[in-house]
Amino acid sequence: MLGKLKTAAGVLHGRSIRIGAQAGVSKEAVGAVATVANDKMTNEMSRKCDNIKVLRDQFEGTCRPVMDQAYKDTLMMIDEIMKGKGR
């Protein structure tokens, strides 16, 4: 399971960098925005992962369809990557 999570994080990060590059945004800028977003979410959850409901309540309506599709796409990519590694 940890392997899939690490692979998913890598896929999503790579996707962010590719999309940013297409929009003319540097890899460093994408990383900086990700850091700011992560810090903001962590603060909103009072630095406790068990308090993720705060974020769900705030973003679920607008983000859910996009996240569901990204999740499906990521799972398909991970399966392809894992097949390529002989797993």
C-alpha atoms as a PDB file:
ATOM      1  CA  MET A   1       0.000   0.000   0.000  1.00  0.00           C
ATOM      2  CA  LEU A   2       2.814   2.432   0.859  1.00  0.00           C
ATOM      3  CA  GLY A   3       4.343   1.800  -2.545  1.00  0.00           C
ATOM      4  CA  LYS A   4       1.099   2.791  -4.254  1.00  0.00           C
ATOM      5  CA  LEU A   5       0.815   5.927  -2.117  1.00  0.00           C
ATOM      6  CA  LYS A   6       4.360   7.000  -2.949  1.00  0.00           C
ATOM      7  CA  THR A   7       3.755   6.288  -6.618  1.00  0.00           C
ATOM      8  CA  ALA A   8       0.488   8.267  -6.539  1.00  0.00           C
ATOM      9  CA  ALA A   9       2.227  11.241  -4.934  1.00  0.00           C
ATOM     10  CA  GLY A  10       4.931  11.109  -7.589  1.00  0.00           C
ATOM     11  CA  VAL A  11       2.402  10.881 -10.414  1.00  0.00           C
ATOM     12  CA  LEU A  12       0.381  13.808  -9.095  1.00  0.00           C
ATOM     13  CA  HIS A  13       3.520  15.892  -8.519  1.00  0.00           C
ATOM     14  CA  GLY A  14       4.782  15.155 -12.016  1.00  0.00           C
ATOM     15  CA  ARG A  15       1.386  16.002 -13.452  1.00  0.00           C
ATOM     16  CA  SER A  16       1.406  19.347 -11.627  1.00  0.00           C
ATOM     17  CA  ILE A  17       4.830  20.189 -13.011  1.00  0.00           C
ATOM     18  CA  ARG A  18       3.812  19.254 -16.582  1.00  0.00           C
ATOM     19  CA  ILE A  19       0.604  21.297 -16.429  1.00  0.00           C
ATOM     20  CA  GLY A  20       2.492  24.204 -14.869  1.00  0.00           C
ATOM     21  CA  ALA A  21       5.132  24.053 -17.604  1.00  0.00           C
ATOM     22  CA  GLN A  22       2.423  24.158 -20.275  1.00  0.00           C
ATOM     23  CA  ALA A  23       1.096  27.308 -18.611  1.00  0.00           C
ATOM     24  CA  GLY A  24       4.583  28.846 -18.455  1.00  0.00           C
ATOM     25  CA  VAL A  25       5.077  28.250 -14.710  1.00  0.00           C
ATOM     26  CA  SER A  26       8.492  27.069 -13.503  1.00  0.00           C
ATOM     27  CA  LYS A  27       9.000  23.874 -11.514  1.00  0.00           C
ATOM     28  CA  GLU A  28      10.154  25.988  -8.566  1.00  0.00           C
ATOM     29  CA  ALA A  29       6.979  28.091  -8.652  1.00  0.00           C
ATOM     30  CA  VAL A  30       4.796  24.956  -8.735  1.00  0.00           C
ATOM     31  CA  GLY A  31       6.711  23.650  -5.711  1.00  0.00           C
ATOM     32  CA  ALA A  32       6.305  26.943  -3.857  1.00  0.00           C
ATOM     33  CA  VAL A  33       2.556  27.010  -4.493  1.00  0.00           C
ATOM     34  CA  ALA A  34       2.266  23.385  -3.338  1.00  0.00           C
ATOM     35  CA  THR A  35       4.143  24.226  -0.138  1.00  0.00           C
ATOM     36  CA  VAL A  36       1.908  27.218   0.590  1.00  0.00           C
ATOM     37  CA  ALA A  37      -1.233  25.148  -0.099  1.00  0.00           C
ATOM     38  CA  ASN A  38       0.004  22.320   2.123  1.00  0.00           C
ATOM     39  CA  ASP A  39       0.820  24.722   4.964  1.00  0.00           C
ATOM     40  CA  LYS A  40      -2.604  26.373   4.657  1.00  0.00           C
ATOM     41  CA  MET A  41      -4.423  23.020   4.743  1.00  0.00           C
ATOM     42  CA  THR A  42      -2.346  21.820   7.683  1.00  0.00           C
ATOM     43  CA  ASN A  43      -3.141  24.993   9.620  1.00  0.00           C
ATOM     44  CA  GLU A  44      -6.851  24.733   8.805  1.00  0.00           C
ATOM     45  CA  MET A  45      -6.824  21.189  10.206  1.00  0.00           C
ATOM     46  CA  SER A  46      -5.107  22.468  13.359  1.00  0.00           C
ATOM     47  CA  ARG A  47      -2.118  20.308  12.372  1.00  0.00           C
ATOM     48  CA  LYS A  48      -4.099  17.111  13.035  1.00  0.00           C
ATOM     49  CA  CYS A  49      -4.809  14.701  10.189  1.00  0.00           C
ATOM     50  CA  ASP A  50      -7.828  13.357  12.072  1.00  0.00           C
ATOM     51  CA  ASN A  51      -9.402  16.796  11.570  1.00  0.00           C
ATOM     52  CA  ILE A  52      -9.510  16.502   7.771  1.00  0.00           C
ATOM     53  CA  LYS A  53     -13.300  16.923   7.923  1.00  0.00           C
ATOM     54  CA  VAL A  54     -12.677  20.684   7.998  1.00  0.00           C
ATOM     55  CA  LEU A  55     -11.212  20.530   4.501  1.00  0.00           C
ATOM     56  CA  ARG A  56     -13.788  18.086   3.228  1.00  0.00           C
ATOM     57  CA  ASP A  57     -16.625  20.335   4.343  1.00  0.00           C
ATOM     58  CA  GLN A  58     -14.958  23.378   2.790  1.00  0.00           C
ATOM     59  CA  PHE A  59     -13.997  21.937  -0.598  1.00  0.00           C
ATOM     60  CA  GLU A  60     -16.052  18.827  -1.289  1.00  0.00           C
ATOM     61  CA  GLY A  61     -18.759  20.492  -3.373  1.00  0.00           C
ATOM     62  CA  THR A  62     -16.443  22.164  -5.846  1.00  0.00           C
ATOM     63  CA  CYS A  63     -13.485  19.792  -5.793  1.00  0.00           C
ATOM     64  CA  ARG A  64     -15.104  16.362  -5.538  1.00  0.00           C
ATOM     65  CA  PRO A  65     -15.760  15.763  -9.270  1.00  0.00           C
ATOM     66  CA  VAL A  66     -12.244  16.873 -10.200  1.00  0.00           C
ATOM     67  CA  MET A  67     -10.634  14.823  -7.418  1.00  0.00           C
ATOM     68  CA  ASP A  68     -12.665  11.723  -8.276  1.00  0.00           C
ATOM     69  CA  GLN A  69     -11.455  11.853 -11.882  1.00  0.00           C
ATOM     70  CA  ALA A  70      -7.857  12.580 -10.850  1.00  0.00           C
ATOM     71  CA  TYR A  71      -8.007   9.631  -8.424  1.00  0.00           C
ATOM     72  CA  LYS A  72      -9.261   7.282 -11.158  1.00  0.00           C
ATOM     73  CA  ASP A  73      -6.619   8.531 -13.596  1.00  0.00           C
ATOM     74  CA  THR A  74      -3.897   8.138 -10.978  1.00  0.00           C
ATOM     75  CA  LEU A  75      -4.926   4.579 -10.115  1.00  0.00           C
ATOM     76  CA  MET A  76      -4.810   3.644 -13.793  1.00  0.00           C
ATOM     77  CA  MET A  77      -1.349   5.215 -14.129  1.00  0.00           C
ATOM     78  CA  ILE A  78      -0.090   3.423 -11.028  1.00  0.00           C
ATOM     79  CA  ASP A  79      -1.331   0.084 -12.323  1.00  0.00           C
ATOM     80  CA  GLU A  80       0.518   0.701 -15.596  1.00  0.00           C
ATOM     81  CA  ILE A  81       3.701   1.731 -13.757  1.00  0.00           C
ATOM     82  CA  MET A  82       3.527  -1.319 -11.494  1.00  0.00           C
ATOM     83  CA  LYS A  83       3.002  -3.617 -14.504  1.00  0.00           C
ATOM     84  CA  GLY A  84       6.093  -2.111 -16.100  1.00  0.00           C
ATOM     85  CA  LYS A  85       8.101  -2.907 -12.972  1.00  0.00           C
ATOM     86  CA  GLY A  86       6.938  -6.531 -13.051  1.00  0.00           C
ATOM     87  CA  ARG A  87       4.834  -6.273  -9.907  1.00  0.00           C
END
